Amino acid sequence: QFYKWIIRSRFIQYLADDLVSFNFISKVGHQASNN
């Protein structure tokens, strides 16, 4: 629940929408998912 609170936060949304690229999200996200 703490982990979910972090990933659902406005800060993570701001990162995903405005700060980092689609390619960066794909690379880091797939690596995290696989791990």
ModelCIF file with pLDDT and N, C-alpha, C, O atoms, coordinates in Angstrom:
data_MODEL
#
_entry.id   MODEL 
#
_entity.id                         1 
_entity.type                       polymer 
_entity.pdbx_number_of_molecules   1 
#
_entity_poly.entity_id                      1 
_entity_poly.type                           'polypeptide(L)' 
_entity_poly.nstd_linkage                   no 
_entity_poly.nstd_monomer                   no 
_entity_poly.pdbx_seq_one_letter_code       QFYKWIIRSRFIQYLADDLVSFNFISKVGHQASNN 
_entity_poly.pdbx_seq_one_letter_code_can   QFYKWIIRSRFIQYLADDLVSFNFISKVGHQASNN 
_entity_poly.pdbx_strand_id                 A 
#
loop_
_entity_poly_seq.entity_id 
_entity_poly_seq.num 
_entity_poly_seq.mon_id 
_entity_poly_seq.hetero 
1 1  GLN n 
1 2  PHE n 
1 3  TYR n 
1 4  LYS n 
1 5  TRP n 
1 6  ILE n 
1 7  ILE n 
1 8  ARG n 
1 9  SER n 
1 10 ARG n 
1 11 PHE n 
1 12 ILE n 
1 13 GLN n 
1 14 TYR n 
1 15 LEU n 
1 16 ALA n 
1 17 ASP n 
1 18 ASP n 
1 19 LEU n 
1 20 VAL n 
1 21 SER n 
1 22 PHE n 
1 23 ASN n 
1 24 PHE n 
1 25 ILE n 
1 26 SER n 
1 27 LYS n 
1 28 VAL n 
1 29 GLY n 
1 30 HIS n 
1 31 GLN n 
1 32 ALA n 
1 33 SER n 
1 34 ASN n 
1 35 ASN n 
#
_struct_asym.id          A 
_struct_asym.entity_id   1 
#
loop_
_ma_qa_metric.id 
_ma_qa_metric.mode 
_ma_qa_metric.name 
_ma_qa_metric.software_group_id 
_ma_qa_metric.type 
1 global pLDDT . pLDDT 
2 local  pLDDT . pLDDT 
#
_ma_qa_metric_global.metric_id      1 
_ma_qa_metric_global.metric_value   74.94 
_ma_qa_metric_global.model_id       1 
_ma_qa_metric_global.ordinal_id     1 
#
loop_
_ma_qa_metric_local.label_asym_id 
_ma_qa_metric_local.label_comp_id 
_ma_qa_metric_local.label_seq_id 
_ma_qa_metric_local.metric_id 
_ma_qa_metric_local.metric_value 
_ma_qa_metric_local.model_id 
_ma_qa_metric_local.ordinal_id 
A GLN 1  2 83.00 1 1  
A PHE 2  2 86.00 1 2  
A TYR 3  2 81.00 1 3  
A LYS 4  2 81.00 1 4  
A TRP 5  2 84.00 1 5  
A ILE 6  2 86.00 1 6  
A ILE 7  2 84.00 1 7  
A ARG 8  2 83.00 1 8  
A SER 9  2 86.00 1 9  
A ARG 10 2 86.00 1 10 
A PHE 11 2 84.00 1 11 
A ILE 12 2 84.00 1 12 
A GLN 13 2 84.00 1 13 
A TYR 14 2 79.00 1 14 
A LEU 15 2 80.00 1 15 
A ALA 16 2 82.00 1 16 
A ASP 17 2 79.00 1 17 
A ASP 18 2 79.00 1 18 
A LEU 19 2 72.00 1 19 
A VAL 20 2 78.00 1 20 
A SER 21 2 78.00 1 21 
A PHE 22 2 75.00 1 22 
A ASN 23 2 76.00 1 23 
A PHE 24 2 68.00 1 24 
A ILE 25 2 71.00 1 25 
A SER 26 2 74.00 1 26 
A LYS 27 2 68.00 1 27 
A VAL 28 2 64.00 1 28 
A GLY 29 2 58.00 1 29 
A HIS 30 2 60.00 1 30 
A GLN 31 2 65.00 1 31 
A ALA 32 2 57.00 1 32 
A SER 33 2 57.00 1 33 
A ASN 34 2 58.00 1 34 
A ASN 35 2 53.00 1 35 
#
loop_
_atom_site.group_PDB 
_atom_site.id 
_atom_site.type_symbol 
_atom_site.label_atom_id 
_atom_site.label_alt_id 
_atom_site.label_comp_id 
_atom_site.label_asym_id 
_atom_site.label_entity_id 
_atom_site.label_seq_id 
_atom_site.pdbx_PDB_ins_code 
_atom_site.Cartn_x 
_atom_site.Cartn_y 
_atom_site.Cartn_z 
_atom_site.occupancy 
_atom_site.B_iso_or_equiv 
_atom_site.pdbx_formal_charge 
_atom_site.auth_seq_id 
_atom_site.auth_comp_id 
_atom_site.auth_asym_id 
_atom_site.auth_atom_id 
_atom_site.pdbx_PDB_model_num 
ATOM 1   N N  . GLN A 1 1  ? 0.824  -1.204 0.000   1.00 83.00 ? 1  GLN A N  1 
ATOM 2   C CA . GLN A 1 1  ? 0.000  0.000  0.000   1.00 83.00 ? 1  GLN A CA 1 
ATOM 3   C C  . GLN A 1 1  ? 0.859  1.257  0.000   1.00 83.00 ? 1  GLN A C  1 
ATOM 4   O O  . GLN A 1 1  ? 0.499  2.257  -0.619  1.00 83.00 ? 1  GLN A O  1 
ATOM 5   N N  . PHE A 1 2  ? 1.987  1.208  0.688   1.00 86.00 ? 2  PHE A N  1 
ATOM 6   C CA . PHE A 1 2  ? 2.914  2.349  0.678   1.00 86.00 ? 2  PHE A CA 1 
ATOM 7   C C  . PHE A 1 2  ? 3.521  2.524  -0.705  1.00 86.00 ? 2  PHE A C  1 
ATOM 8   O O  . PHE A 1 2  ? 3.625  3.641  -1.212  1.00 86.00 ? 2  PHE A O  1 
ATOM 9   N N  . TYR A 1 3  ? 3.925  1.398  -1.319  1.00 81.00 ? 3  TYR A N  1 
ATOM 10  C CA . TYR A 1 3  ? 4.461  1.441  -2.682  1.00 81.00 ? 3  TYR A CA 1 
ATOM 11  C C  . TYR A 1 3  ? 3.430  2.022  -3.650  1.00 81.00 ? 3  TYR A C  1 
ATOM 12  O O  . TYR A 1 3  ? 3.769  2.845  -4.500  1.00 81.00 ? 3  TYR A O  1 
ATOM 13  N N  . LYS A 1 4  ? 2.179  1.596  -3.522  1.00 81.00 ? 4  LYS A N  1 
ATOM 14  C CA . LYS A 1 4  ? 1.128  2.085  -4.410  1.00 81.00 ? 4  LYS A CA 1 
ATOM 15  C C  . LYS A 1 4  ? 0.901  3.577  -4.196  1.00 81.00 ? 4  LYS A C  1 
ATOM 16  O O  . LYS A 1 4  ? 0.668  4.314  -5.154  1.00 81.00 ? 4  LYS A O  1 
ATOM 17  N N  . TRP A 1 5  ? 0.969  4.022  -2.952  1.00 84.00 ? 5  TRP A N  1 
ATOM 18  C CA . TRP A 1 5  ? 0.795  5.445  -2.649  1.00 84.00 ? 5  TRP A CA 1 
ATOM 19  C C  . TRP A 1 5  ? 1.869  6.273  -3.362  1.00 84.00 ? 5  TRP A C  1 
ATOM 20  O O  . TRP A 1 5  ? 1.599  7.376  -3.838  1.00 84.00 ? 5  TRP A O  1 
ATOM 21  N N  . ILE A 1 6  ? 3.071  5.737  -3.429  1.00 86.00 ? 6  ILE A N  1 
ATOM 22  C CA . ILE A 1 6  ? 4.161  6.454  -4.100  1.00 86.00 ? 6  ILE A CA 1 
ATOM 23  C C  . ILE A 1 6  ? 3.921  6.522  -5.603  1.00 86.00 ? 6  ILE A C  1 
ATOM 24  O O  . ILE A 1 6  ? 3.982  7.597  -6.199  1.00 86.00 ? 6  ILE A O  1 
ATOM 25  N N  . ILE A 1 7  ? 3.646  5.366  -6.218  1.00 84.00 ? 7  ILE A N  1 
ATOM 26  C CA . ILE A 1 7  ? 3.542  5.363  -7.682  1.00 84.00 ? 7  ILE A CA 1 
ATOM 27  C C  . ILE A 1 7  ? 2.283  6.078  -8.171  1.00 84.00 ? 7  ILE A C  1 
ATOM 28  O O  . ILE A 1 7  ? 2.233  6.521  -9.319  1.00 84.00 ? 7  ILE A O  1 
ATOM 29  N N  . ARG A 1 8  ? 1.274  6.195  -7.321  1.00 83.00 ? 8  ARG A N  1 
ATOM 30  C CA . ARG A 1 8  ? 0.051  6.894  -7.714  1.00 83.00 ? 8  ARG A CA 1 
ATOM 31  C C  . ARG A 1 8  ? 0.101  8.386  -7.363  1.00 83.00 ? 8  ARG A C  1 
ATOM 32  O O  . ARG A 1 8  ? -0.872 9.106  -7.587  1.00 83.00 ? 8  ARG A O  1 
ATOM 33  N N  . SER A 1 9  ? 1.214  8.846  -6.822  1.00 86.00 ? 9  SER A N  1 
ATOM 34  C CA . SER A 1 9  ? 1.309  10.228 -6.365  1.00 86.00 ? 9  SER A CA 1 
ATOM 35  C C  . SER A 1 9  ? 1.342  11.209 -7.533  1.00 86.00 ? 9  SER A C  1 
ATOM 36  O O  . SER A 1 9  ? 1.652  10.829 -8.663  1.00 86.00 ? 9  SER A O  1 
ATOM 37  N N  . ARG A 1 10 ? 1.024  12.464 -7.257  1.00 86.00 ? 10 ARG A N  1 
ATOM 38  C CA . ARG A 1 10 ? 1.060  13.504 -8.280  1.00 86.00 ? 10 ARG A CA 1 
ATOM 39  C C  . ARG A 1 10 ? 2.482  13.737 -8.781  1.00 86.00 ? 10 ARG A C  1 
ATOM 40  O O  . ARG A 1 10 ? 2.687  14.104 -9.938  1.00 86.00 ? 10 ARG A O  1 
ATOM 41  N N  . PHE A 1 11 ? 3.455  13.524 -7.908  1.00 84.00 ? 11 PHE A N  1 
ATOM 42  C CA . PHE A 1 11 ? 4.844  13.707 -8.324  1.00 84.00 ? 11 PHE A CA 1 
ATOM 43  C C  . PHE A 1 11 ? 5.218  12.716 -9.417  1.00 84.00 ? 11 PHE A C  1 
ATOM 44  O O  . PHE A 1 11 ? 5.843  13.097 -10.406 1.00 84.00 ? 11 PHE A O  1 
ATOM 45  N N  . ILE A 1 12 ? 4.847  11.458 -9.255  1.00 84.00 ? 12 ILE A N  1 
ATOM 46  C CA . ILE A 1 12 ? 5.134  10.454 -10.286 1.00 84.00 ? 12 ILE A CA 1 
ATOM 47  C C  . ILE A 1 12 ? 4.356  10.769 -11.558 1.00 84.00 ? 12 ILE A C  1 
ATOM 48  O O  . ILE A 1 12 ? 4.866  10.568 -12.660 1.00 84.00 ? 12 ILE A O  1 
ATOM 49  N N  . GLN A 1 13 ? 3.127  11.261 -11.418 1.00 84.00 ? 13 GLN A N  1 
ATOM 50  C CA . GLN A 1 13 ? 2.365  11.661 -12.597 1.00 84.00 ? 13 GLN A CA 1 
ATOM 51  C C  . GLN A 1 13 ? 3.055  12.808 -13.328 1.00 84.00 ? 13 GLN A C  1 
ATOM 52  O O  . GLN A 1 13 ? 3.133  12.814 -14.556 1.00 84.00 ? 13 GLN A O  1 
ATOM 53  N N  . TYR A 1 14 ? 3.552  13.774 -12.565 1.00 79.00 ? 14 TYR A N  1 
ATOM 54  C CA . TYR A 1 14 ? 4.267  14.906 -13.162 1.00 79.00 ? 14 TYR A CA 1 
ATOM 55  C C  . TYR A 1 14 ? 5.510  14.425 -13.902 1.00 79.00 ? 14 TYR A C  1 
ATOM 56  O O  . TYR A 1 14 ? 5.804  14.893 -15.002 1.00 79.00 ? 14 TYR A O  1 
ATOM 57  N N  . LEU A 1 15 ? 6.240  13.489 -13.294 1.00 80.00 ? 15 LEU A N  1 
ATOM 58  C CA . LEU A 1 15 ? 7.413  12.923 -13.958 1.00 80.00 ? 15 LEU A CA 1 
ATOM 59  C C  . LEU A 1 15 ? 7.021  12.266 -15.277 1.00 80.00 ? 15 LEU A C  1 
ATOM 60  O O  . LEU A 1 15 ? 7.642  12.505 -16.313 1.00 80.00 ? 15 LEU A O  1 
ATOM 61  N N  . ALA A 1 16 ? 5.984  11.437 -15.222 1.00 82.00 ? 16 ALA A N  1 
ATOM 62  C CA . ALA A 1 16 ? 5.576  10.669 -16.404 1.00 82.00 ? 16 ALA A CA 1 
ATOM 63  C C  . ALA A 1 16 ? 5.040  11.561 -17.511 1.00 82.00 ? 16 ALA A C  1 
ATOM 64  O O  . ALA A 1 16 ? 5.295  11.320 -18.691 1.00 82.00 ? 16 ALA A O  1 
ATOM 65  N N  . ASP A 1 17 ? 4.297  12.590 -17.128 1.00 79.00 ? 17 ASP A N  1 
ATOM 66  C CA . ASP A 1 17 ? 3.646  13.430 -18.134 1.00 79.00 ? 17 ASP A CA 1 
ATOM 67  C C  . ASP A 1 17 ? 4.557  14.518 -18.692 1.00 79.00 ? 17 ASP A C  1 
ATOM 68  O O  . ASP A 1 17 ? 4.495  14.835 -19.880 1.00 79.00 ? 17 ASP A O  1 
ATOM 69  N N  . ASP A 1 18 ? 5.408  15.091 -17.831 1.00 79.00 ? 18 ASP A N  1 
ATOM 70  C CA . ASP A 1 18 ? 6.088  16.325 -18.221 1.00 79.00 ? 18 ASP A CA 1 
ATOM 71  C C  . ASP A 1 18 ? 7.614  16.281 -18.219 1.00 79.00 ? 18 ASP A C  1 
ATOM 72  O O  . ASP A 1 18 ? 8.242  17.055 -18.942 1.00 79.00 ? 18 ASP A O  1 
ATOM 73  N N  . LEU A 1 19 ? 8.216  15.416 -17.446 1.00 72.00 ? 19 LEU A N  1 
ATOM 74  C CA . LEU A 1 19 ? 9.660  15.503 -17.281 1.00 72.00 ? 19 LEU A CA 1 
ATOM 75  C C  . LEU A 1 19 ? 10.457 14.465 -18.066 1.00 72.00 ? 19 LEU A C  1 
ATOM 76  O O  . LEU A 1 19 ? 11.516 14.779 -18.610 1.00 72.00 ? 19 LEU A O  1 
ATOM 77  N N  . VAL A 1 20 ? 9.965  13.253 -18.129 1.00 78.00 ? 20 VAL A N  1 
ATOM 78  C CA . VAL A 1 20 ? 10.760 12.193 -18.759 1.00 78.00 ? 20 VAL A CA 1 
ATOM 79  C C  . VAL A 1 20 ? 10.124 11.777 -20.077 1.00 78.00 ? 20 VAL A C  1 
ATOM 80  O O  . VAL A 1 20 ? 8.928  11.970 -20.295 1.00 78.00 ? 20 VAL A O  1 
ATOM 81  N N  . SER A 1 21 ? 10.941 11.205 -20.950 1.00 78.00 ? 21 SER A N  1 
ATOM 82  C CA . SER A 1 21 ? 10.483 10.836 -22.284 1.00 78.00 ? 21 SER A CA 1 
ATOM 83  C C  . SER A 1 21 ? 9.764  9.486  -22.280 1.00 78.00 ? 21 SER A C  1 
ATOM 84  O O  . SER A 1 21 ? 9.867  8.711  -21.329 1.00 78.00 ? 21 SER A O  1 
ATOM 85  N N  . PHE A 1 22 ? 9.045  9.229  -23.352 1.00 75.00 ? 22 PHE A N  1 
ATOM 86  C CA . PHE A 1 22 ? 8.371  7.949  -23.547 1.00 75.00 ? 22 PHE A CA 1 
ATOM 87  C C  . PHE A 1 22 ? 9.384  6.810  -23.558 1.00 75.00 ? 22 PHE A C  1 
ATOM 88  O O  . PHE A 1 22 ? 9.139  5.762  -22.959 1.00 75.00 ? 22 PHE A O  1 
ATOM 89  N N  . ASN A 1 23 ? 10.511 6.999  -24.226 1.00 76.00 ? 23 ASN A N  1 
ATOM 90  C CA . ASN A 1 23 ? 11.539 5.951  -24.302 1.00 76.00 ? 23 ASN A CA 1 
ATOM 91  C C  . ASN A 1 23 ? 12.130 5.655  -22.933 1.00 76.00 ? 23 ASN A C  1 
ATOM 92  O O  . ASN A 1 23 ? 12.422 4.502  -22.615 1.00 76.00 ? 23 ASN A O  1 
ATOM 93  N N  . PHE A 1 24 ? 12.307 6.694  -22.123 1.00 68.00 ? 24 PHE A N  1 
ATOM 94  C CA . PHE A 1 24 ? 12.859 6.491  -20.778 1.00 68.00 ? 24 PHE A CA 1 
ATOM 95  C C  . PHE A 1 24 ? 11.881 5.690  -19.922 1.00 68.00 ? 24 PHE A C  1 
ATOM 96  O O  . PHE A 1 24 ? 12.279 4.753  -19.230 1.00 68.00 ? 24 PHE A O  1 
ATOM 97  N N  . ILE A 1 25 ? 10.593 6.063  -19.973 1.00 71.00 ? 25 ILE A N  1 
ATOM 98  C CA . ILE A 1 25 ? 9.568  5.330  -19.215 1.00 71.00 ? 25 ILE A CA 1 
ATOM 99  C C  . ILE A 1 25 ? 9.546  3.870  -19.636 1.00 71.00 ? 25 ILE A C  1 
ATOM 100 O O  . ILE A 1 25 ? 9.471  2.977  -18.792 1.00 71.00 ? 25 ILE A O  1 
ATOM 101 N N  . SER A 1 26 ? 9.613  3.625  -20.943 1.00 74.00 ? 26 SER A N  1 
ATOM 102 C CA . SER A 1 26 ? 9.561  2.254  -21.456 1.00 74.00 ? 26 SER A CA 1 
ATOM 103 C C  . SER A 1 26 ? 10.740 1.435  -20.965 1.00 74.00 ? 26 SER A C  1 
ATOM 104 O O  . SER A 1 26 ? 10.576 0.294  -20.533 1.00 74.00 ? 26 SER A O  1 
ATOM 105 N N  . LYS A 1 27 ? 11.931 2.019  -21.032 1.00 68.00 ? 27 LYS A N  1 
ATOM 106 C CA . LYS A 1 27 ? 13.145 1.300  -20.639 1.00 68.00 ? 27 LYS A CA 1 
ATOM 107 C C  . LYS A 1 27 ? 13.145 0.982  -19.154 1.00 68.00 ? 27 LYS A C  1 
ATOM 108 O O  . LYS A 1 27 ? 13.343 -0.168 -18.760 1.00 68.00 ? 27 LYS A O  1 
ATOM 109 N N  . VAL A 1 28 ? 12.924 1.998  -18.331 1.00 64.00 ? 28 VAL A N  1 
ATOM 110 C CA . VAL A 1 28 ? 12.961 1.814  -16.876 1.00 64.00 ? 28 VAL A CA 1 
ATOM 111 C C  . VAL A 1 28 ? 11.772 0.972  -16.408 1.00 64.00 ? 28 VAL A C  1 
ATOM 112 O O  . VAL A 1 28 ? 11.916 0.104  -15.548 1.00 64.00 ? 28 VAL A O  1 
ATOM 113 N N  . GLY A 1 29 ? 10.603 1.236  -16.980 1.00 58.00 ? 29 GLY A N  1 
ATOM 114 C CA . GLY A 1 29 ? 9.406  0.517  -16.564 1.00 58.00 ? 29 GLY A CA 1 
ATOM 115 C C  . GLY A 1 29 ? 9.464  -0.966 -16.859 1.00 58.00 ? 29 GLY A C  1 
ATOM 116 O O  . GLY A 1 29 ? 9.119  -1.782 -16.005 1.00 58.00 ? 29 GLY A O  1 
ATOM 117 N N  . HIS A 1 30 ? 9.895  -1.326 -18.054 1.00 60.00 ? 30 HIS A N  1 
ATOM 118 C CA . HIS A 1 30 ? 9.980  -2.743 -18.409 1.00 60.00 ? 30 HIS A CA 1 
ATOM 119 C C  . HIS A 1 30 ? 11.044 -3.457 -17.567 1.00 60.00 ? 30 HIS A C  1 
ATOM 120 O O  . HIS A 1 30 ? 10.872 -4.618 -17.197 1.00 60.00 ? 30 HIS A O  1 
ATOM 121 N N  . GLN A 1 31 ? 12.130 -2.765 -17.270 1.00 65.00 ? 31 GLN A N  1 
ATOM 122 C CA . GLN A 1 31 ? 13.163 -3.369 -16.428 1.00 65.00 ? 31 GLN A CA 1 
ATOM 123 C C  . GLN A 1 31 ? 12.624 -3.622 -15.018 1.00 65.00 ? 31 GLN A C  1 
ATOM 124 O O  . GLN A 1 31 ? 12.852 -4.683 -14.439 1.00 65.00 ? 31 GLN A O  1 
ATOM 125 N N  . ALA A 1 32 ? 11.909 -2.634 -14.476 1.00 57.00 ? 32 ALA A N  1 
ATOM 126 C CA . ALA A 1 32 ? 11.318 -2.787 -13.143 1.00 57.00 ? 32 ALA A CA 1 
ATOM 127 C C  . ALA A 1 32 ? 10.280 -3.901 -13.131 1.00 57.00 ? 32 ALA A C  1 
ATOM 128 O O  . ALA A 1 32 ? 10.212 -4.682 -12.182 1.00 57.00 ? 32 ALA A O  1 
ATOM 129 N N  . SER A 1 33 ? 9.467  -3.973 -14.192 1.00 57.00 ? 33 SER A N  1 
ATOM 130 C CA . SER A 1 33 ? 8.445  -5.012 -14.289 1.00 57.00 ? 33 SER A CA 1 
ATOM 131 C C  . SER A 1 33 ? 9.070  -6.393 -14.336 1.00 57.00 ? 33 SER A C  1 
ATOM 132 O O  . SER A 1 33 ? 8.617  -7.311 -13.652 1.00 57.00 ? 33 SER A O  1 
ATOM 133 N N  . ASN A 1 34 ? 10.110 -6.542 -15.142 1.00 58.00 ? 34 ASN A N  1 
ATOM 134 C CA . ASN A 1 34 ? 10.784 -7.844 -15.253 1.00 58.00 ? 34 ASN A CA 1 
ATOM 135 C C  . ASN A 1 34 ? 11.437 -8.251 -13.939 1.00 58.00 ? 34 ASN A C  1 
ATOM 136 O O  . ASN A 1 34 ? 11.394 -9.419 -13.555 1.00 58.00 ? 34 ASN A O  1 
ATOM 137 N N  . ASN A 1 35 ? 12.044 -7.282 -13.249 1.00 53.00 ? 35 ASN A N  1 
ATOM 138 C CA . ASN A 1 35 ? 12.680 -7.583 -11.956 1.00 53.00 ? 35 ASN A CA 1 
ATOM 139 C C  . ASN A 1 35 ? 11.642 -8.009 -10.930 1.00 53.00 ? 35 ASN A C  1 
ATOM 140 O O  . ASN A 1 35 ? 11.988 -8.301 -9.786  1.00 53.00 ? 35 ASN A O  1 
#
